[in-house]
Amino acid sequence: MSTLDDASKRVETLLERFNAFPSTTGVRADAEELVRVVSGLYGECLDSIAQTLQATLGKEEADALLERCCNDPVVASLLITHALHPVPLQERVKRALDGVRPYLQSHGADADIVHVDEDLVELRVTGMAEVIPKIESTIREAAPEVLEVRAVGQTISLLEVR
């Protein structure tokens, strides 16, 4: 389990504990507001860092440096949360799909992007259905903000070719 997963679960656990208080006390609302305020402060700090990097290095070099920092999933998640990730969602999904393409082709499959947004990534997958979980996990790793990955209009075989 990652630091990010642990922290997210801890926040949820703490908010659930606050939920046990009667709503008339306002304790849960106060806890949620605290999380929003602290998160907003972190977002402003990250934005200031990104702007300082751009002013110092130029946009292209700053974005390249931030992108390297995004190799750490915790950093990537924070930048995504605050809409500061230097690589747009569409491009991250495309890169993820390009990265998994050799695996797909070794299984007689392929995939093309149909639609991308934070709610849904739709892909047209051809070949064996067994590749879909690999595609999904690869995209979720590159774009954790995506809520759903769906294969649509695919031509797949549920039977293994021997």
Protein backbone atom coordinates (compact mmCIF):
# COMPACT_ATOMS: atom_id res chain seq x y z
CA MET A 1 0.00 0.00 0.00
CA SER A 2 1.33 3.44 -0.91
CA THR A 3 1.68 6.53 1.22
CA LEU A 4 -1.06 8.13 -0.85
CA ASP A 5 -3.43 5.22 -0.30
CA ASP A 6 -2.67 5.17 3.42
CA ALA A 7 -3.24 8.92 3.76
CA SER A 8 -6.49 8.80 1.77
CA LYS A 9 -7.84 5.96 3.89
CA ARG A 10 -6.82 7.77 7.08
CA VAL A 11 -8.66 10.94 6.02
CA GLU A 12 -11.77 8.90 5.25
CA THR A 13 -11.55 7.09 8.60
CA LEU A 14 -11.22 10.36 10.48
CA LEU A 15 -14.13 11.94 8.62
CA GLU A 16 -16.25 8.88 9.40
CA ARG A 17 -15.39 9.25 13.07
CA PHE A 18 -16.55 12.87 12.93
CA ASN A 19 -19.74 11.61 11.30
CA ALA A 20 -20.56 9.79 14.55
CA PHE A 21 -21.17 13.13 16.26
CA PRO A 22 -24.74 14.46 16.10
CA SER A 23 -25.17 16.71 13.07
CA THR A 24 -26.32 19.52 15.34
CA THR A 25 -22.78 19.88 16.70
CA GLY A 26 -21.38 20.77 13.28
CA VAL A 27 -18.25 18.72 14.01
CA ARG A 28 -18.23 16.86 10.66
CA ALA A 29 -18.85 20.09 8.72
CA ASP A 30 -15.95 21.69 10.59
CA ALA A 31 -13.68 18.71 9.84
CA GLU A 32 -14.60 18.79 6.14
CA GLU A 33 -13.98 22.55 6.04
CA LEU A 34 -10.58 22.01 7.67
CA VAL A 35 -9.66 19.47 4.97
CA ARG A 36 -10.79 21.91 2.25
CA VAL A 37 -8.84 24.83 3.74
CA VAL A 38 -5.62 22.82 4.17
CA SER A 39 -5.99 21.30 0.70
CA GLY A 40 -6.57 24.75 -0.80
CA LEU A 41 -3.47 26.07 0.93
CA TYR A 42 -1.39 23.19 -0.46
CA GLY A 43 -2.80 23.90 -3.91
CA GLU A 44 -1.82 27.55 -3.70
CA CYS A 45 1.69 26.57 -2.57
CA LEU A 46 2.07 24.08 -5.43
CA ASP A 47 0.82 26.67 -7.91
CA SER A 48 3.36 29.18 -6.57
CA ILE A 49 6.15 26.60 -6.99
CA ALA A 50 5.03 25.89 -10.58
CA GLN A 51 4.89 29.61 -11.40
CA THR A 52 8.32 30.22 -9.87
CA LEU A 53 9.77 27.35 -11.89
CA GLN A 54 8.21 28.73 -15.07
CA ALA A 55 9.51 32.24 -14.37
CA THR A 56 12.99 30.89 -13.64
CA LEU A 57 13.35 28.12 -16.22
CA GLY A 58 10.74 28.95 -18.82
CA LYS A 59 7.50 27.04 -19.34
CA GLU A 60 8.96 24.16 -21.35
CA GLU A 61 11.80 23.38 -18.94
CA ALA A 62 9.59 23.89 -15.89
CA ASP A 63 6.97 21.52 -17.27
CA ALA A 64 9.68 18.95 -18.05
CA LEU A 65 10.97 19.19 -14.48
CA LEU A 66 7.45 18.90 -13.03
CA GLU A 67 6.78 15.94 -15.29
CA ARG A 68 9.88 14.19 -13.93
CA CYS A 69 8.63 14.92 -10.41
CA CYS A 70 5.37 13.21 -11.40
CA ASN A 71 7.21 9.89 -11.56
CA ASP A 72 6.40 9.89 -7.85
CA PRO A 73 2.69 8.97 -7.66
CA VAL A 74 2.18 11.13 -4.55
CA VAL A 75 3.50 14.22 -6.35
CA ALA A 76 1.49 13.37 -9.46
CA SER A 77 -1.67 12.95 -7.39
CA LEU A 78 -1.22 16.30 -5.65
CA LEU A 79 -0.61 18.09 -8.94
CA ILE A 80 -3.64 16.40 -10.49
CA THR A 81 -5.81 17.30 -7.49
CA HIS A 82 -4.93 20.95 -7.95
CA ALA A 83 -5.11 20.92 -11.79
CA LEU A 84 -1.36 21.55 -12.04
CA HIS A 85 -0.12 18.36 -13.72
CA PRO A 86 2.10 19.50 -16.61
CA VAL A 87 0.83 16.78 -18.97
CA PRO A 88 -2.82 17.06 -20.03
CA LEU A 89 -5.09 14.11 -19.27
CA GLN A 90 -5.57 13.19 -22.95
CA GLU A 91 -1.79 13.01 -23.47
CA ARG A 92 -1.23 10.90 -20.33
CA VAL A 93 -3.88 8.42 -21.50
CA LYS A 94 -2.33 8.33 -24.98
CA ARG A 95 1.14 7.70 -23.56
CA ALA A 96 -0.19 4.96 -21.28
CA LEU A 97 -1.89 3.26 -24.21
CA ASP A 98 1.25 3.59 -26.35
CA GLY A 99 3.29 2.08 -23.51
CA VAL A 100 1.02 -0.96 -23.20
CA ARG A 101 0.69 -1.43 -26.97
CA PRO A 102 3.57 -3.95 -27.27
CA TYR A 103 1.84 -6.12 -24.65
CA LEU A 104 -1.45 -5.81 -26.53
CA GLN A 105 0.12 -6.68 -29.86
CA SER A 106 1.87 -9.69 -28.34
CA HIS A 107 -1.64 -10.90 -27.45
CA GLY A 108 -3.09 -10.15 -30.89
CA ALA A 109 -4.95 -7.09 -29.59
CA ASP A 110 -4.94 -3.32 -29.90
CA ALA A 111 -6.80 -0.33 -28.51
CA ASP A 112 -7.69 3.15 -29.72
CA ILE A 113 -8.97 6.12 -27.76
CA VAL A 114 -12.60 7.02 -28.39
CA HIS A 115 -13.15 9.56 -25.62
CA VAL A 116 -11.20 10.96 -22.64
CA ASP A 117 -12.29 13.03 -19.66
CA GLU A 118 -12.00 12.70 -15.88
CA ASP A 119 -15.29 10.82 -15.65
CA LEU A 120 -14.67 8.30 -18.40
CA VAL A 121 -12.05 6.97 -20.78
CA GLU A 122 -13.62 5.02 -23.62
CA LEU A 123 -11.50 2.75 -25.77
CA ARG A 124 -12.16 0.62 -28.82
CA VAL A 125 -10.38 -2.67 -28.11
CA THR A 126 -9.81 -5.36 -30.71
CA GLY A 127 -8.54 -8.84 -29.95
CA MET A 128 -8.74 -10.90 -26.81
CA ALA A 129 -10.83 -9.72 -23.85
CA GLU A 130 -8.03 -10.80 -21.49
CA VAL A 131 -6.09 -7.60 -22.29
CA ILE A 132 -8.75 -5.23 -20.94
CA PRO A 133 -7.68 -5.42 -17.25
CA LYS A 134 -4.07 -4.65 -18.25
CA ILE A 135 -5.21 -1.65 -20.29
CA GLU A 136 -7.38 -0.41 -17.43
CA SER A 137 -4.65 -0.68 -14.80
CA THR A 138 -2.12 1.05 -17.06
CA ILE A 139 -4.47 3.97 -17.70
CA ARG A 140 -5.43 4.25 -14.02
CA GLU A 141 -1.75 4.43 -13.10
CA ALA A 142 -1.11 7.25 -15.58
CA ALA A 143 -4.39 9.07 -14.89
CA PRO A 144 -5.65 8.27 -11.38
CA GLU A 145 -8.32 10.96 -11.59
CA VAL A 146 -10.25 8.96 -14.21
CA LEU A 147 -13.34 7.43 -12.63
CA GLU A 148 -14.04 4.76 -15.23
CA VAL A 149 -12.25 3.04 -18.11
CA ARG A 150 -14.60 1.33 -20.54
CA ALA A 151 -14.07 -0.71 -23.69
CA VAL A 152 -16.81 0.26 -26.16
CA GLY A 153 -17.78 -1.13 -29.52
CA GLN A 154 -14.99 -3.61 -29.20
CA THR A 155 -14.45 -6.62 -31.35
CA ILE A 156 -13.14 -9.13 -28.86
CA SER A 157 -13.05 -12.85 -28.50
CA LEU A 158 -13.83 -14.41 -25.17
CA LEU A 159 -12.32 -17.63 -26.46
CA GLU A 160 -8.60 -18.11 -26.22
CA VAL A 161 -6.89 -18.72 -29.55
CA ARG A 162 -4.64 -21.77 -29.43
